[in-house]
Protein backbone atom coordinates (compact mmCIF):
# COMPACT_ATOMS: atom_id res chain seq x y z
CA ALA A 1 156.91 68.23 -0.49
CA LEU A 2 158.57 70.81 -2.73
CA PRO A 3 156.23 73.05 -4.76
CA ILE A 4 156.42 71.71 -8.29
CA LEU A 5 157.57 73.96 -11.08
CA LYS A 6 156.42 72.42 -14.43
CA LEU A 7 158.56 73.38 -17.36
CA ASN A 8 157.94 70.14 -19.31
CA THR A 9 154.63 70.52 -21.26
CA ASN A 10 155.13 73.71 -23.29
CA GLU A 11 151.99 75.35 -21.92
CA SER A 12 151.86 79.13 -21.91
CA PRO A 13 152.98 80.74 -18.62
CA TYR A 14 150.43 83.53 -19.27
CA GLY A 15 146.68 83.12 -19.23
CA PRO A 16 144.45 83.09 -22.30
CA SER A 17 142.91 86.25 -23.65
CA PRO A 18 140.49 87.66 -21.03
CA LYS A 19 138.02 88.02 -23.92
CA ALA A 20 138.09 84.23 -24.35
CA ILE A 21 137.25 83.66 -20.72
CA ALA A 22 134.43 86.24 -20.93
CA ALA A 23 133.00 84.64 -24.05
CA ILE A 24 132.96 81.22 -22.25
CA GLU A 25 131.24 82.73 -19.20
CA VAL A 26 128.48 84.24 -21.30
CA LEU A 27 127.60 80.77 -22.76
CA ASN A 28 127.92 78.93 -19.45
CA ASN A 29 124.06 78.60 -19.15
CA SER A 30 121.15 76.25 -19.76
CA ASP A 31 121.80 76.40 -23.61
CA LEU A 32 124.49 73.69 -22.83
CA ARG A 33 121.55 71.27 -23.21
CA LEU A 34 121.65 71.97 -26.94
CA TYR A 35 124.21 70.47 -29.43
CA PRO A 36 126.88 72.79 -30.70
CA ASP A 37 127.12 73.88 -34.37
CA PRO A 38 128.54 70.66 -35.91
CA GLU A 39 130.27 72.76 -38.60
CA GLY A 40 131.81 75.31 -36.24
CA THR A 41 130.82 77.89 -38.91
CA ALA A 42 131.43 81.06 -36.81
CA LEU A 43 134.84 79.78 -35.72
CA LYS A 44 135.88 78.84 -39.34
CA GLN A 45 134.82 82.38 -40.37
CA ALA A 46 136.91 83.93 -37.64
CA ILE A 47 140.07 81.89 -38.58
CA ALA A 48 139.47 82.57 -42.28
CA LYS A 49 139.08 86.32 -41.71
CA LEU A 50 142.31 86.52 -39.63
CA HIS A 51 144.35 84.75 -42.31
CA GLY A 52 142.68 86.20 -45.48
CA LEU A 53 141.17 82.85 -46.52
CA SER A 54 137.76 81.52 -47.22
CA PRO A 55 136.00 79.34 -44.56
CA ASN A 56 136.04 76.28 -46.80
CA GLN A 57 139.79 76.24 -46.37
CA VAL A 58 139.49 75.63 -42.56
CA PHE A 59 139.04 72.31 -40.73
CA LEU A 60 138.46 72.11 -36.92
CA GLY A 61 139.25 69.48 -34.33
CA ASN A 62 139.87 68.77 -30.67
CA GLY A 63 143.37 70.16 -30.38
CA SER A 64 145.84 69.66 -33.25
CA ASP A 65 146.28 66.06 -32.17
CA GLU A 66 142.90 65.09 -33.32
CA VAL A 67 143.32 67.11 -36.55
CA LEU A 68 146.56 65.16 -37.15
CA ALA A 69 144.82 61.83 -36.54
CA HIS A 70 142.33 62.70 -39.26
CA VAL A 71 145.23 63.83 -41.57
CA PHE A 72 147.01 60.54 -41.15
CA ALA A 73 143.85 58.49 -41.61
CA GLY A 74 142.60 60.50 -44.58
CA LEU A 75 145.38 62.16 -46.49
CA LEU A 76 148.62 60.26 -45.79
CA LYS A 77 147.50 56.64 -46.31
CA GLN A 78 149.10 55.75 -49.62
CA ASN A 79 151.20 53.01 -51.16
CA LYS A 80 154.50 54.80 -50.41
CA PRO A 81 156.02 55.58 -47.02
CA VAL A 82 155.21 58.84 -45.26
CA HIS A 83 158.42 60.82 -44.55
CA PHE A 84 159.16 62.77 -41.34
CA PRO A 85 162.28 63.65 -39.32
CA GLU A 86 164.06 61.01 -37.16
CA ILE A 87 163.73 63.37 -34.23
CA THR A 88 160.27 65.01 -34.19
CA TYR A 89 156.88 65.03 -32.61
CA SER A 90 156.45 61.54 -30.98
CA PHE A 91 152.90 61.13 -32.18
CA TYR A 92 153.73 60.76 -35.91
CA PRO A 93 155.03 57.20 -35.69
CA VAL A 94 152.21 56.39 -33.23
CA TYR A 95 149.54 57.43 -35.83
CA CYS A 96 151.37 55.53 -38.57
CA LYS A 97 151.25 52.33 -36.47
CA LEU A 98 147.61 52.94 -35.55
CA PHE A 99 146.44 53.43 -39.14
CA GLY A 100 148.87 50.82 -40.66
CA ILE A 101 150.86 53.44 -42.60
CA ASP A 102 154.32 52.68 -43.77
CA TYR A 103 156.85 55.46 -42.86
CA LYS A 104 160.46 56.50 -43.27
CA THR A 105 162.39 58.74 -40.87
CA VAL A 106 164.83 61.23 -42.38
CA PRO A 107 168.01 62.08 -40.42
CA LEU A 108 168.45 65.62 -39.16
CA GLY A 109 171.73 67.43 -39.96
CA GLN A 110 174.68 67.52 -37.58
CA ASP A 111 173.20 70.68 -36.12
CA PHE A 112 169.78 69.13 -35.78
CA SER A 113 168.35 71.05 -38.69
CA ILE A 114 165.76 69.83 -41.22
CA ASN A 115 167.20 69.81 -44.80
CA THR A 116 164.26 69.92 -47.19
CA ALA A 117 166.47 68.50 -49.97
CA ASP A 118 166.43 65.16 -48.12
CA TYR A 119 162.60 64.89 -48.66
CA LYS A 120 162.56 64.90 -52.40
CA THR A 121 162.32 61.13 -52.83
CA PRO A 122 158.94 59.55 -53.79
CA ASN A 123 156.72 59.45 -50.64
CA GLY A 124 153.19 58.98 -49.47
CA GLY A 125 153.22 62.37 -47.81
CA ILE A 126 155.63 64.51 -45.80
CA ILE A 127 155.01 65.89 -42.35
CA PHE A 128 157.18 67.90 -39.91
CA PRO A 129 156.69 70.62 -37.34
CA ASN A 130 158.07 74.14 -38.01
CA PRO A 131 159.70 74.87 -35.66
CA ASN A 132 160.57 71.21 -35.04
CA ALA A 133 159.93 69.62 -31.66
CA PRO A 134 161.78 68.91 -29.48
CA THR A 135 164.68 70.82 -30.99
CA GLY A 136 162.93 74.20 -31.46
CA ARG A 137 164.81 74.76 -34.80
CA SER A 138 162.90 76.24 -37.70
CA ILE A 139 163.36 76.76 -41.42
CA PRO A 140 162.25 79.68 -43.58
CA ARG A 141 159.09 79.59 -45.61
CA SER A 142 161.02 79.87 -48.86
CA GLU A 143 162.57 76.43 -48.27
CA ILE A 144 159.16 74.89 -47.70
CA GLU A 145 157.92 76.58 -50.93
CA THR A 146 160.77 75.01 -52.85
CA LEU A 147 160.01 71.59 -51.35
CA LEU A 148 156.31 72.06 -52.19
CA SER A 149 157.04 72.70 -55.84
CA ALA A 150 159.34 69.55 -56.04
CA ASN A 151 156.76 67.42 -54.18
CA LYS A 152 153.65 67.50 -56.47
CA ASP A 153 152.41 63.94 -55.96
CA SER A 154 151.65 63.86 -52.23
CA VAL A 155 150.50 66.08 -49.37
CA LEU A 156 153.02 68.19 -47.44
CA VAL A 157 151.81 68.89 -43.91
CA ILE A 158 153.51 71.61 -41.81
CA ASP A 159 152.70 71.41 -38.10
CA GLU A 160 152.83 74.98 -36.81
CA ALA A 161 152.08 74.38 -33.16
CA TYR A 162 154.85 76.76 -32.07
CA VAL A 163 154.86 79.18 -34.98
CA ASP A 164 153.99 82.33 -33.03
CA TYR A 165 157.35 82.48 -31.26
CA GLY A 166 159.36 83.61 -34.12
CA THR A 167 158.85 81.23 -37.09
CA GLU A 168 157.57 82.21 -40.59
CA SER A 169 154.09 80.73 -41.12
CA CYS A 170 153.20 78.91 -44.38
CA ILE A 171 149.64 80.17 -44.25
CA PRO A 172 150.41 83.00 -46.69
CA LEU A 173 151.13 80.29 -49.38
CA LEU A 174 147.49 79.28 -49.05
CA GLN A 175 145.90 82.67 -49.77
CA GLY A 176 144.27 83.67 -53.05
CA ASP A 177 143.72 81.72 -56.32
CA SER A 178 147.20 80.17 -56.38
CA CYS A 179 146.47 78.03 -53.29
CA PRO A 180 148.40 74.72 -53.82
CA ASP A 181 146.24 71.58 -53.52
CA ASN A 182 148.82 69.60 -51.64
CA LEU A 183 149.86 71.90 -48.67
CA LEU A 184 148.16 71.58 -45.28
CA VAL A 185 149.12 73.78 -42.33
CA VAL A 186 148.08 72.65 -38.81
CA HIS A 187 147.61 74.98 -35.84
CA THR A 188 146.57 74.65 -32.19
CA LEU A 189 145.16 77.03 -29.62
CA SER A 190 147.00 75.13 -26.84
CA LYS A 191 150.33 76.94 -26.97
CA SER A 192 150.55 80.66 -27.83
CA ARG A 193 146.87 81.21 -27.28
CA ALA A 194 147.05 79.48 -23.79
CA LEU A 195 143.91 77.40 -24.28
CA ALA A 196 145.25 73.84 -23.82
CA GLY A 197 142.28 73.15 -21.56
CA LEU A 198 139.78 73.87 -24.27
CA ARG A 199 141.17 71.43 -26.90
CA VAL A 200 140.90 73.38 -30.15
CA GLY A 201 143.10 72.87 -33.26
CA PHE A 202 142.60 73.51 -36.94
CA ALA A 203 144.02 72.83 -40.36
CA ILE A 204 144.16 75.19 -43.25
CA GLY A 205 144.52 74.06 -46.86
CA HIS A 206 142.96 73.76 -50.31
CA PRO A 207 139.14 73.22 -50.21
CA THR A 208 139.55 69.71 -51.67
CA LEU A 209 141.95 68.61 -48.81
CA ILE A 210 139.59 70.15 -46.26
CA GLU A 211 136.59 68.33 -47.78
CA GLY A 212 138.50 65.06 -47.50
CA LEU A 213 139.17 65.77 -43.78
CA GLU A 214 135.49 66.64 -43.22
CA ARG A 215 134.47 63.29 -44.67
CA VAL A 216 136.80 61.43 -42.30
CA LYS A 217 135.65 63.45 -39.31
CA ASN A 218 131.97 63.04 -39.97
CA SER A 219 132.21 59.23 -40.28
CA PHE A 220 133.86 59.39 -36.85
CA ASN A 221 132.20 62.20 -34.80
CA SER A 222 130.20 64.99 -36.31
CA TYR A 223 130.26 67.16 -33.19
CA PRO A 224 133.95 67.51 -32.24
CA LEU A 225 133.89 70.98 -30.70
CA GLY A 226 131.59 72.03 -27.85
CA ARG A 227 129.76 75.32 -27.52
CA LEU A 228 132.22 76.65 -24.98
CA ALA A 229 135.25 75.68 -26.95
CA GLN A 230 133.89 77.37 -30.06
CA ALA A 231 133.06 80.56 -28.25
CA GLY A 232 136.33 80.74 -26.39
CA ALA A 233 138.27 79.93 -29.57
CA ILE A 234 136.55 82.68 -31.59
CA ALA A 235 137.31 85.33 -28.91
CA ALA A 236 140.93 84.14 -28.72
CA ILE A 237 141.40 84.24 -32.48
CA GLU A 238 139.96 87.78 -32.59
CA ASP A 239 142.26 89.05 -29.76
CA GLN A 240 145.45 89.29 -31.85
CA ALA A 241 146.85 91.91 -29.48
CA HIS A 242 146.90 89.48 -26.52
CA LEU A 243 148.64 86.85 -28.66
CA GLU A 244 151.36 89.27 -29.79
CA GLN A 245 151.94 90.68 -26.32
CA THR A 246 152.33 87.29 -24.61
CA SER A 247 154.41 85.74 -27.44
CA LYS A 248 156.77 88.69 -27.35
CA LYS A 249 157.17 88.29 -23.58
CA VAL A 250 158.03 84.59 -24.06
CA ILE A 251 160.61 85.43 -26.74
CA GLN A 252 162.30 88.04 -24.41
CA THR A 253 162.45 85.48 -21.59
CA ARG A 254 163.84 82.86 -24.00
CA THR A 255 166.66 85.13 -25.14
CA GLN A 256 167.44 85.93 -21.50
CA LEU A 257 167.44 82.24 -20.40
CA VAL A 258 169.66 81.12 -23.24
CA ASP A 259 172.22 83.84 -22.27
CA GLN A 260 172.12 82.75 -18.58
CA LEU A 261 172.54 79.07 -19.54
CA ASN A 262 175.51 79.97 -21.83
CA THR A 263 177.18 81.56 -18.79
CA LEU A 264 176.82 78.20 -16.96
CA GLY A 265 178.41 76.33 -19.91
CA PHE A 266 175.26 74.96 -21.50
CA ALA A 267 175.09 74.59 -25.34
CA THR A 268 171.57 75.49 -26.49
CA LEU A 269 170.19 74.93 -30.12
CA PRO A 270 168.76 78.06 -31.77
CA SER A 271 165.03 78.06 -30.91
CA THR A 272 161.94 79.83 -32.32
CA ALA A 273 159.60 77.89 -29.98
CA ASN A 274 158.37 78.44 -26.43
CA PHE A 275 160.98 75.92 -25.28
CA ILE A 276 164.69 75.41 -25.71
CA PHE A 277 166.77 72.30 -26.30
CA THR A 278 170.02 72.37 -24.28
CA ARG A 279 172.90 70.25 -22.99
CA HIS A 280 175.88 70.58 -20.75
CA PRO A 281 179.13 69.04 -21.96
CA LYS A 282 180.12 67.93 -18.46
CA HIS A 283 176.84 66.70 -17.09
CA ALA A 284 174.65 63.83 -18.33
CA GLY A 285 171.14 64.81 -19.38
CA ALA A 286 169.52 62.16 -17.23
CA LYS A 287 171.42 63.33 -14.16
CA LEU A 288 170.54 66.97 -14.69
CA TYR A 289 166.91 66.02 -15.22
CA GLN A 290 166.85 64.07 -11.91
CA ALA A 291 168.77 66.73 -9.95
CA LEU A 292 166.19 69.34 -11.09
CA ARG A 293 163.34 66.97 -10.26
CA ASP A 294 164.81 66.57 -6.75
CA ARG A 295 164.47 70.38 -6.40
CA GLY A 296 160.83 70.36 -7.55
CA ILE A 297 161.43 71.46 -11.09
CA ILE A 298 160.29 69.22 -13.91
CA VAL A 299 161.76 69.48 -17.47
CA ARG A 300 161.60 66.99 -20.30
CA HIS A 301 164.33 64.38 -20.97
CA PHE A 302 164.36 61.97 -23.86
CA LYS A 303 166.01 58.57 -23.82
CA SER A 304 166.64 58.33 -27.56
CA VAL A 305 170.38 57.90 -28.42
CA ARG A 306 171.03 61.07 -30.30
CA ILE A 307 169.31 63.37 -27.87
CA GLU A 308 169.71 61.68 -24.47
CA GLU A 309 172.15 64.42 -23.27
CA PHE A 310 169.63 67.21 -23.97
CA LEU A 311 166.87 68.73 -21.81
CA ARG A 312 163.79 70.33 -23.33
CA ILE A 313 162.82 73.27 -21.17
CA THR A 314 159.53 75.18 -21.52
CA ILE A 315 159.93 78.92 -21.29
CA GLY A 316 158.06 80.09 -18.14
CA THR A 317 157.75 83.52 -16.60
CA ASP A 318 160.94 85.44 -15.82
CA GLU A 319 160.56 84.44 -12.19
CA GLN A 320 160.14 80.72 -13.00
CA CYS A 321 163.24 80.85 -15.32
CA THR A 322 165.20 82.57 -12.53
CA LYS A 323 164.38 79.62 -10.19
CA LEU A 324 165.52 77.23 -12.90
CA VAL A 325 168.79 78.98 -13.39
CA GLU A 326 169.51 79.22 -9.64
CA ALA A 327 168.86 75.43 -9.32
CA LEU A 328 171.15 74.68 -12.31
CA GLN A 329 173.84 76.93 -10.77
CA GLU A 330 173.85 74.71 -7.72
CA ILE A 331 173.83 71.56 -9.76
CA VAL A 332 176.62 72.37 -12.25
């Protein structure tokens, strides 16, 4: 069988901070018989310190997916529909169905961009990723700030899973006394910090929003994060240099890959994520996906009408992307 090259799950091609691995090894002992800190106090302090916030502005969960589940259950369940883009992270409609939440999808522009002016109708909450997935397109913080001031009556959730690859974070809007009480920013350690195997995510927001999330979590599971996860996450959060170095490398490879695909006739959306969204005018998306798969390379293909011609390709190492380009050269 062909060796499989996985460019479909947006994992980091580089390992986590060596300090995170070391911190996990130190705790890998008989103390695992003891329960972890249910509050995750030290981890909240590390995240708060990094972002110039107070620990009561931080909420923790098993990856950002669990954090989002609590957000939908606790903060978005109102008598008006929740708004999110028609093409976005596939879990949003799943959570709405699970928790019985009414929702409305908002069309993206012709160029697949999010236009915040389209979100100014009454709603039970707004959520979208920045950059958006699977398109990789992002919008500046100033646009989100404008939307926030126009959207006073419900919560605005910005899902920043891929923010470290060239997108402006909204976390600065939450610093200091002017912290808005209706903005929540969600992060994960699974992408740029390369800790998908640990399952750590967090949300940052006004203390009252965080308190609401804590109540939901504690009625469900008061010990979400294990000792090893907390220790590894603290070390990863404190190693900003590793994050910057690996993110920079991914950005360089992304630029290079887009150029190489352009040469082959691909049209690629502008991306500030660790993946790109691309199509070839002469080759069907499903066929390209299958032809790559036959060569042992897995990318992501979506069957939805508007995006069925596109492939979402995770940025791997330079070497992995070279293999991908060579395969596509043969195919097209």
